[in-house]
Amino acid sequence: LLVGHVYGAFHVRAMDRAAAAAPRVKTAVIQGNIDQKLKMSRGSSRAATILGRYLPPTAAADEAGADLVIWPEGSYPLAFPTGVTRLTDAGLRPGGYRAGILVGVDVFDRKNLRKGNENAAFLLDPSLGIAHHYVKNHLVPFGEYVPWRLDEVLGVGNIVGASFSPGTDLSPAVLRRPDAPAVRLGIEICFDAIFPEISRTYARSGAQVPDPAARQAAAARSA
């Protein structure tokens, strides 16, 4: 018991020193207060309303000098097809932003609308190009997919109304900053955060900045 406590005390101090020496990223987390019924509905008016909540604080954070602006899981009100590389016509500011924008998005596959969907996050560069495409690794059973193919056998569905496929890539995202060196980010979405092997994989792959703000904001889909 004593050895464990002594080791823990020295280990915590070592981690504190490492954290103090780690790069700092000025980050803004945007959390829109949007009724869940509106988020689940369809139509252009819904998209305009939701973007109207997110775009002004995003522009304000960008003008205040943020390096990174984070939107929650599934926050963008329209889905994107697989293969998209830019969001220049997606309702964001046409000239782009100084900051990198991390946007929670849904991605669909036109060839496989039943199983080819992704709960994803796009890291946008200042010109609104997609610098990194992360796909949620750990999906919620019966929330984002139906396990054991029970949907095909029993006809049951999941909560969100679409089945997602899990991602496998855990390479860090590279955030390039105009006034500071680039940093490597580890991105996790909601349920991902309770699986420590994801954080370990990111650390071993050279991630410098874990993204707890993204994980916390990721719960916004049900908030």
C-alpha atoms as a PDB file:
ATOM      1  CA  LEU A   1       0.000   0.000   0.000  1.00  0.00           C
ATOM      2  CA  LEU A   2       2.802   2.425   0.888  1.00  0.00           C
ATOM      3  CA  VAL A   3       4.797   1.638  -2.263  1.00  0.00           C
ATOM      4  CA  GLY A   4       1.710   2.246  -4.395  1.00  0.00           C
ATOM      5  CA  HIS A   5       1.108   5.656  -2.856  1.00  0.00           C
ATOM      6  CA  VAL A   6       4.769   6.700  -3.176  1.00  0.00           C
ATOM      7  CA  TYR A   7       4.902   5.589  -6.803  1.00  0.00           C
ATOM      8  CA  GLY A   8       1.629   7.408  -7.497  1.00  0.00           C
ATOM      9  CA  ALA A   9       2.912  10.647  -5.956  1.00  0.00           C
ATOM     10  CA  PHE A  10       6.071  10.644  -8.103  1.00  0.00           C
ATOM     11  CA  HIS A  11       4.142   9.613 -11.218  1.00  0.00           C
ATOM     12  CA  VAL A  12       1.565  12.394 -10.808  1.00  0.00           C
ATOM     13  CA  ARG A  13       4.361  14.953 -10.404  1.00  0.00           C
ATOM     14  CA  ALA A  14       6.017  13.667 -13.571  1.00  0.00           C
ATOM     15  CA  MET A  15       2.740  13.946 -15.464  1.00  0.00           C
ATOM     16  CA  ASP A  16       2.217  17.481 -14.139  1.00  0.00           C
ATOM     17  CA  ARG A  17       5.662  18.480 -15.415  1.00  0.00           C
ATOM     18  CA  ALA A  18       4.940  16.945 -18.795  1.00  0.00           C
ATOM     19  CA  ALA A  19       1.601  18.761 -18.989  1.00  0.00           C
ATOM     20  CA  ALA A  20       3.242  22.068 -18.066  1.00  0.00           C
ATOM     21  CA  ALA A  21       5.740  21.613 -20.910  1.00  0.00           C
ATOM     22  CA  ALA A  22       3.126  20.549 -23.472  1.00  0.00           C
ATOM     23  CA  PRO A  23       2.067  22.950 -26.249  1.00  0.00           C
ATOM     24  CA  ARG A  24      -0.915  25.183 -25.548  1.00  0.00           C
ATOM     25  CA  VAL A  25      -3.728  25.674 -28.034  1.00  0.00           C
ATOM     26  CA  LYS A  26      -6.141  28.564 -27.544  1.00  0.00           C
ATOM     27  CA  THR A  27      -9.458  26.770 -27.918  1.00  0.00           C
ATOM     28  CA  ALA A  28     -13.107  27.845 -28.064  1.00  0.00           C
ATOM     29  CA  VAL A  29     -15.954  25.355 -27.590  1.00  0.00           C
ATOM     30  CA  ILE A  30     -19.244  26.399 -29.212  1.00  0.00           C
ATOM     31  CA  GLN A  31     -22.381  24.846 -27.690  1.00  0.00           C
ATOM     32  CA  GLY A  32     -25.641  25.775 -29.377  1.00  0.00           C
ATOM     33  CA  ASN A  33     -28.836  25.684 -27.316  1.00  0.00           C
ATOM     34  CA  ILE A  34     -31.011  23.853 -29.844  1.00  0.00           C
ATOM     35  CA  ASP A  35     -34.155  21.827 -29.205  1.00  0.00           C
ATOM     36  CA  GLN A  36     -33.660  18.131 -29.931  1.00  0.00           C
ATOM     37  CA  LYS A  37     -36.825  18.014 -32.052  1.00  0.00           C
ATOM     38  CA  LEU A  38     -35.369  20.683 -34.305  1.00  0.00           C
ATOM     39  CA  LYS A  39     -32.094  18.788 -34.647  1.00  0.00           C
ATOM     40  CA  MET A  40     -33.918  15.597 -35.613  1.00  0.00           C
ATOM     41  CA  SER A  41     -36.181  17.280 -38.178  1.00  0.00           C
ATOM     42  CA  ARG A  42     -35.344  17.802 -41.832  1.00  0.00           C
ATOM     43  CA  GLY A  43     -35.432  20.806 -44.117  1.00  0.00           C
ATOM     44  CA  SER A  44     -33.490  23.919 -45.091  1.00  0.00           C
ATOM     45  CA  SER A  45     -35.152  26.052 -42.410  1.00  0.00           C
ATOM     46  CA  ARG A  46     -33.785  23.736 -39.749  1.00  0.00           C
ATOM     47  CA  ALA A  47     -30.282  24.010 -41.191  1.00  0.00           C
ATOM     48  CA  ALA A  48     -30.469  27.798 -41.352  1.00  0.00           C
ATOM     49  CA  THR A  49     -31.675  28.028 -37.744  1.00  0.00           C
ATOM     50  CA  ILE A  50     -28.941  25.761 -36.395  1.00  0.00           C
ATOM     51  CA  LEU A  51     -26.171  27.450 -38.359  1.00  0.00           C
ATOM     52  CA  GLY A  52     -27.532  30.770 -37.161  1.00  0.00           C
ATOM     53  CA  ARG A  53     -26.755  29.654 -33.610  1.00  0.00           C
ATOM     54  CA  TYR A  54     -23.235  28.420 -34.354  1.00  0.00           C
ATOM     55  CA  LEU A  55     -21.806  30.857 -36.878  1.00  0.00           C
ATOM     56  CA  PRO A  56     -21.833  34.132 -34.856  1.00  0.00           C
ATOM     57  CA  PRO A  57     -19.939  32.744 -31.815  1.00  0.00           C
ATOM     58  CA  THR A  58     -17.575  30.915 -34.170  1.00  0.00           C
ATOM     59  CA  ALA A  59     -16.746  34.178 -35.935  1.00  0.00           C
ATOM     60  CA  ALA A  60     -16.334  35.927 -32.572  1.00  0.00           C
ATOM     61  CA  ALA A  61     -13.934  33.251 -31.288  1.00  0.00           C
ATOM     62  CA  ASP A  62     -11.966  33.418 -34.527  1.00  0.00           C
ATOM     63  CA  GLU A  63     -11.655  37.200 -34.277  1.00  0.00           C
ATOM     64  CA  ALA A  64     -10.576  36.852 -30.622  1.00  0.00           C
ATOM     65  CA  GLY A  65      -7.563  34.817 -31.713  1.00  0.00           C
ATOM     66  CA  ALA A  66      -8.633  31.206 -31.127  1.00  0.00           C
ATOM     67  CA  ASP A  67      -6.382  28.577 -32.680  1.00  0.00           C
ATOM     68  CA  LEU A  68      -9.116  25.941 -32.651  1.00  0.00           C
ATOM     69  CA  VAL A  69     -12.919  26.214 -32.554  1.00  0.00           C
ATOM     70  CA  ILE A  70     -14.808  23.035 -31.618  1.00  0.00           C
ATOM     71  CA  TRP A  71     -18.409  22.234 -32.505  1.00  0.00           C
ATOM     72  CA  PRO A  72     -20.139  19.241 -30.826  1.00  0.00           C
ATOM     73  CA  GLU A  73     -20.850  15.772 -32.124  1.00  0.00           C
ATOM     74  CA  GLY A  74     -23.295  15.790 -35.022  1.00  0.00           C
ATOM     75  CA  SER A  75     -23.688  19.555 -34.761  1.00  0.00           C
ATOM     76  CA  TYR A  76     -23.630  20.368 -38.461  1.00  0.00           C
ATOM     77  CA  PRO A  77     -27.292  20.210 -39.565  1.00  0.00           C
ATOM     78  CA  LEU A  78     -26.760  18.492 -42.925  1.00  0.00           C
ATOM     79  CA  ALA A  79     -24.929  15.288 -43.844  1.00  0.00           C
ATOM     80  CA  PHE A  80     -22.052  15.092 -46.311  1.00  0.00           C
ATOM     81  CA  PRO A  81     -21.347  12.427 -48.942  1.00  0.00           C
ATOM     82  CA  THR A  82     -18.274  10.251 -48.732  1.00  0.00           C
ATOM     83  CA  GLY A  83     -15.331  11.727 -50.585  1.00  0.00           C
ATOM     84  CA  VAL A  84     -16.093  15.367 -49.821  1.00  0.00           C
ATOM     85  CA  THR A  85     -12.875  17.370 -49.464  1.00  0.00           C
ATOM     86  CA  ARG A  86     -14.052  20.943 -48.825  1.00  0.00           C
ATOM     87  CA  LEU A  87     -16.952  22.701 -47.083  1.00  0.00           C
ATOM     88  CA  THR A  88     -16.817  25.910 -49.101  1.00  0.00           C
ATOM     89  CA  ASP A  89     -20.524  25.653 -50.034  1.00  0.00           C
ATOM     90  CA  ALA A  90     -21.748  24.416 -46.652  1.00  0.00           C
ATOM     91  CA  GLY A  91     -23.014  27.682 -45.165  1.00  0.00           C
ATOM     92  CA  LEU A  92     -19.810  28.587 -43.311  1.00  0.00           C
ATOM     93  CA  ARG A  93     -18.110  31.942 -43.776  1.00  0.00           C
ATOM     94  CA  PRO A  94     -17.089  32.060 -47.480  1.00  0.00           C
ATOM     95  CA  GLY A  95     -13.635  33.479 -46.797  1.00  0.00           C
ATOM     96  CA  GLY A  96     -12.842  30.826 -44.210  1.00  0.00           C
ATOM     97  CA  TYR A  97     -11.402  31.371 -40.752  1.00  0.00           C
ATOM     98  CA  ARG A  98      -8.044  32.041 -39.182  1.00  0.00           C
ATOM     99  CA  ALA A  99      -8.637  29.217 -36.706  1.00  0.00           C
ATOM    100  CA  GLY A 100      -8.989  25.539 -37.426  1.00  0.00           C
ATOM    101  CA  ILE A 101     -12.642  24.477 -37.071  1.00  0.00           C
ATOM    102  CA  LEU A 102     -13.476  21.022 -35.698  1.00  0.00           C
ATOM    103  CA  VAL A 103     -17.019  20.214 -36.816  1.00  0.00           C
ATOM    104  CA  GLY A 104     -19.129  17.202 -35.813  1.00  0.00           C
ATOM    105  CA  VAL A 105     -20.718  15.826 -38.984  1.00  0.00           C
ATOM    106  CA  ASP A 106     -22.633  12.852 -40.344  1.00  0.00           C
ATOM    107  CA  VAL A 107     -21.271  11.284 -43.530  1.00  0.00           C
ATOM    108  CA  PHE A 108     -23.299   9.057 -45.852  1.00  0.00           C
ATOM    109  CA  ASP A 109     -22.427   6.708 -48.674  1.00  0.00           C
ATOM    110  CA  ARG A 110     -24.769   7.070 -51.645  1.00  0.00           C
ATOM    111  CA  LYS A 111     -24.026   3.483 -52.640  1.00  0.00           C
ATOM    112  CA  ASN A 112     -24.854   2.040 -49.211  1.00  0.00           C
ATOM    113  CA  LEU A 113     -27.256   4.245 -47.267  1.00  0.00           C
ATOM    114  CA  ARG A 114     -28.043   1.425 -44.838  1.00  0.00           C
ATOM    115  CA  LYS A 115     -24.532   0.568 -43.620  1.00  0.00           C
ATOM    116  CA  GLY A 116     -22.206   3.179 -45.123  1.00  0.00           C
ATOM    117  CA  ASN A 117     -22.835   6.062 -42.719  1.00  0.00           C
ATOM    118  CA  GLU A 118     -20.276   7.651 -40.368  1.00  0.00           C
ATOM    119  CA  ASN A 119     -20.479   9.655 -37.165  1.00  0.00           C
ATOM    120  CA  ALA A 120     -17.469  11.807 -37.923  1.00  0.00           C
ATOM    121  CA  ALA A 121     -15.553  15.000 -37.236  1.00  0.00           C
ATOM    122  CA  PHE A 122     -13.901  17.221 -39.843  1.00  0.00           C
ATOM    123  CA  LEU A 123     -10.935  19.406 -38.923  1.00  0.00           C
ATOM    124  CA  LEU A 124     -11.163  22.311 -41.373  1.00  0.00           C
ATOM    125  CA  ASP A 125      -8.180  24.378 -42.406  1.00  0.00           C
ATOM    126  CA  PRO A 126      -8.486  28.183 -42.808  1.00  0.00           C
ATOM    127  CA  SER A 127      -9.728  27.775 -46.407  1.00  0.00           C
ATOM    128  CA  LEU A 128     -12.430  25.268 -45.293  1.00  0.00           C
ATOM    129  CA  GLY A 129     -10.612  22.298 -46.759  1.00  0.00           C
ATOM    130  CA  ILE A 130     -10.894  19.073 -44.731  1.00  0.00           C
ATOM    131  CA  ALA A 131      -7.477  18.670 -43.134  1.00  0.00           C
ATOM    132  CA  HIS A 132      -8.502  15.586 -41.120  1.00  0.00           C
ATOM    133  CA  HIS A 133     -11.478  13.220 -41.231  1.00  0.00           C
ATOM    134  CA  TYR A 134     -12.031  11.271 -38.001  1.00  0.00           C
ATOM    135  CA  VAL A 135     -14.700   8.581 -37.669  1.00  0.00           C
ATOM    136  CA  LYS A 136     -16.037   7.549 -34.255  1.00  0.00           C
ATOM    137  CA  ASN A 137     -14.415   4.241 -33.305  1.00  0.00           C
ATOM    138  CA  HIS A 138     -16.776   3.015 -30.588  1.00  0.00           C
ATOM    139  CA  LEU A 139     -20.435   3.285 -31.518  1.00  0.00           C
ATOM    140  CA  VAL A 140     -23.296   3.028 -29.019  1.00  0.00           C
ATOM    141  CA  PRO A 141     -25.154  -0.317 -29.329  1.00  0.00           C
ATOM    142  CA  PHE A 142     -28.813   0.170 -30.288  1.00  0.00           C
ATOM    143  CA  GLY A 143     -28.126   3.908 -30.401  1.00  0.00           C
ATOM    144  CA  GLU A 144     -25.944   4.143 -33.500  1.00  0.00           C
ATOM    145  CA  TYR A 145     -26.021   0.555 -34.701  1.00  0.00           C
ATOM    146  CA  VAL A 146     -27.853  -2.689 -33.977  1.00  0.00           C
ATOM    147  CA  PRO A 147     -25.483  -5.487 -32.842  1.00  0.00           C
ATOM    148  CA  TRP A 148     -25.549  -9.079 -34.061  1.00  0.00           C
ATOM    149  CA  ARG A 149     -27.566  -7.995 -37.138  1.00  0.00           C
ATOM    150  CA  LEU A 150     -30.758  -8.110 -35.094  1.00  0.00           C
ATOM    151  CA  ASP A 151     -32.203  -5.374 -37.282  1.00  0.00           C
ATOM    152  CA  GLU A 152     -32.203  -7.827 -40.184  1.00  0.00           C
ATOM    153  CA  VAL A 153     -33.624 -10.708 -38.145  1.00  0.00           C
ATOM    154  CA  LEU A 154     -36.142  -8.996 -35.853  1.00  0.00           C
ATOM    155  CA  GLY A 155     -36.762  -5.779 -37.715  1.00  0.00           C
ATOM    156  CA  VAL A 156     -35.667  -3.614 -34.762  1.00  0.00           C
ATOM    157  CA  GLY A 157     -34.125  -0.207 -35.337  1.00  0.00           C
ATOM    158  CA  ASN A 158     -31.769   2.060 -33.433  1.00  0.00           C
ATOM    159  CA  ILE A 159     -32.419   5.344 -31.677  1.00  0.00           C
ATOM    160  CA  VAL A 160     -30.924   7.812 -34.150  1.00  0.00           C
ATOM    161  CA  GLY A 161     -32.678   6.310 -37.182  1.00  0.00           C
ATOM    162  CA  ALA A 162     -29.537   5.488 -39.178  1.00  0.00           C
ATOM    163  CA  SER A 163     -26.911   2.794 -38.786  1.00  0.00           C
ATOM    164  CA  PHE A 164     -23.305   3.947 -38.578  1.00  0.00           C
ATOM    165  CA  SER A 165     -20.105   2.076 -39.311  1.00  0.00           C
ATOM    166  CA  PRO A 166     -17.156   2.396 -36.886  1.00  0.00           C
ATOM    167  CA  GLY A 167     -13.875   3.990 -37.845  1.00  0.00           C
ATOM    168  CA  THR A 168     -10.465   2.382 -37.376  1.00  0.00           C
ATOM    169  CA  ASP A 169      -7.979   5.213 -38.002  1.00  0.00           C
ATOM    170  CA  LEU A 170      -6.453   6.775 -34.880  1.00  0.00           C
ATOM    171  CA  SER A 171      -3.750   8.871 -36.505  1.00  0.00           C
ATOM    172  CA  PRO A 172      -3.487  12.334 -34.908  1.00  0.00           C
ATOM    173  CA  ALA A 173      -4.921  15.353 -36.669  1.00  0.00           C
ATOM    174  CA  VAL A 174      -2.444  18.130 -37.511  1.00  0.00           C
ATOM    175  CA  LEU A 175      -3.592  21.622 -36.564  1.00  0.00           C
ATOM    176  CA  ARG A 176      -1.566  24.215 -38.458  1.00  0.00           C
ATOM    177  CA  ARG A 177      -1.460  27.649 -36.824  1.00  0.00           C
ATOM    178  CA  PRO A 178      -0.418  30.889 -38.543  1.00  0.00           C
ATOM    179  CA  ASP A 179       1.499  32.287 -35.567  1.00  0.00           C
ATOM    180  CA  ALA A 180       2.775  29.137 -33.854  1.00  0.00           C
ATOM    181  CA  PRO A 181       4.108  25.666 -34.671  1.00  0.00           C
ATOM    182  CA  ALA A 182       1.674  23.003 -35.790  1.00  0.00           C
ATOM    183  CA  VAL A 183       0.367  20.626 -33.132  1.00  0.00           C
ATOM    184  CA  ARG A 184      -0.992  17.090 -33.334  1.00  0.00           C
ATOM    185  CA  LEU A 185      -4.434  16.512 -31.811  1.00  0.00           C
ATOM    186  CA  GLY A 186      -6.127  13.351 -30.575  1.00  0.00           C
ATOM    187  CA  ILE A 187      -9.856  13.508 -31.429  1.00  0.00           C
ATOM    188  CA  GLU A 188     -12.475  11.393 -29.674  1.00  0.00           C
ATOM    189  CA  ILE A 189     -16.254  11.504 -29.957  1.00  0.00           C
ATOM    190  CA  CYS A 190     -18.508  10.859 -26.932  1.00  0.00           C
ATOM    191  CA  PHE A 191     -18.489   7.080 -26.226  1.00  0.00           C
ATOM    192  CA  ASP A 192     -14.875   6.889 -27.440  1.00  0.00           C
ATOM    193  CA  ALA A 193     -13.740   8.654 -24.277  1.00  0.00           C
ATOM    194  CA  ILE A 194     -14.365   5.701 -21.930  1.00  0.00           C
ATOM    195  CA  PHE A 195     -11.997   3.405 -23.855  1.00  0.00           C
ATOM    196  CA  PRO A 196      -8.435   4.122 -22.635  1.00  0.00           C
ATOM    197  CA  GLU A 197      -6.813   2.256 -25.494  1.00  0.00           C
ATOM    198  CA  ILE A 198      -7.814   5.107 -27.829  1.00  0.00           C
ATOM    199  CA  SER A 199      -5.932   7.705 -25.772  1.00  0.00           C
ATOM    200  CA  ARG A 200      -2.941   5.371 -25.462  1.00  0.00           C
ATOM    201  CA  THR A 201      -2.869   4.826 -29.218  1.00  0.00           C
ATOM    202  CA  TYR A 202      -2.956   8.560 -29.841  1.00  0.00           C
ATOM    203  CA  ALA A 203      -0.124   9.159 -27.362  1.00  0.00           C
ATOM    204  CA  ARG A 204       2.012   6.458 -28.945  1.00  0.00           C
ATOM    205  CA  SER A 205       1.294   7.948 -32.375  1.00  0.00           C
ATOM    206  CA  GLY A 206       2.674  11.325 -31.355  1.00  0.00           C
ATOM    207  CA  ALA A 207      -0.429  13.284 -30.334  1.00  0.00           C
ATOM    208  CA  GLN A 208       0.670  16.335 -28.356  1.00  0.00           C
ATOM    209  CA  VAL A 209      -2.699  17.711 -27.289  1.00  0.00           C
ATOM    210  CA  PRO A 210      -5.540  15.467 -26.151  1.00  0.00           C
ATOM    211  CA  ASP A 211      -8.956  16.913 -26.917  1.00  0.00           C
ATOM    212  CA  PRO A 212     -11.028  16.746 -23.705  1.00  0.00           C
ATOM    213  CA  ALA A 213     -13.095  19.719 -24.844  1.00  0.00           C
ATOM    214  CA  ALA A 214     -14.187  17.793 -27.926  1.00  0.00           C
ATOM    215  CA  ARG A 215     -15.082  14.810 -25.796  1.00  0.00           C
ATOM    216  CA  GLN A 216     -17.100  16.947 -23.400  1.00  0.00           C
ATOM    217  CA  ALA A 217     -18.875  18.825 -26.147  1.00  0.00           C
ATOM    218  CA  ALA A 218     -19.592  15.578 -27.956  1.00  0.00           C
ATOM    219  CA  ALA A 219     -22.471  14.843 -25.587  1.00  0.00           C
ATOM    220  CA  ALA A 220     -24.378  17.756 -27.079  1.00  0.00           C
ATOM    221  CA  ARG A 221     -26.298  15.554 -29.475  1.00  0.00           C
ATOM    222  CA  SER A 222     -28.542  14.481 -26.583  1.00  0.00           C
ATOM    223  CA  ALA A 223     -28.208  17.663 -24.507  1.00  0.00           C
END
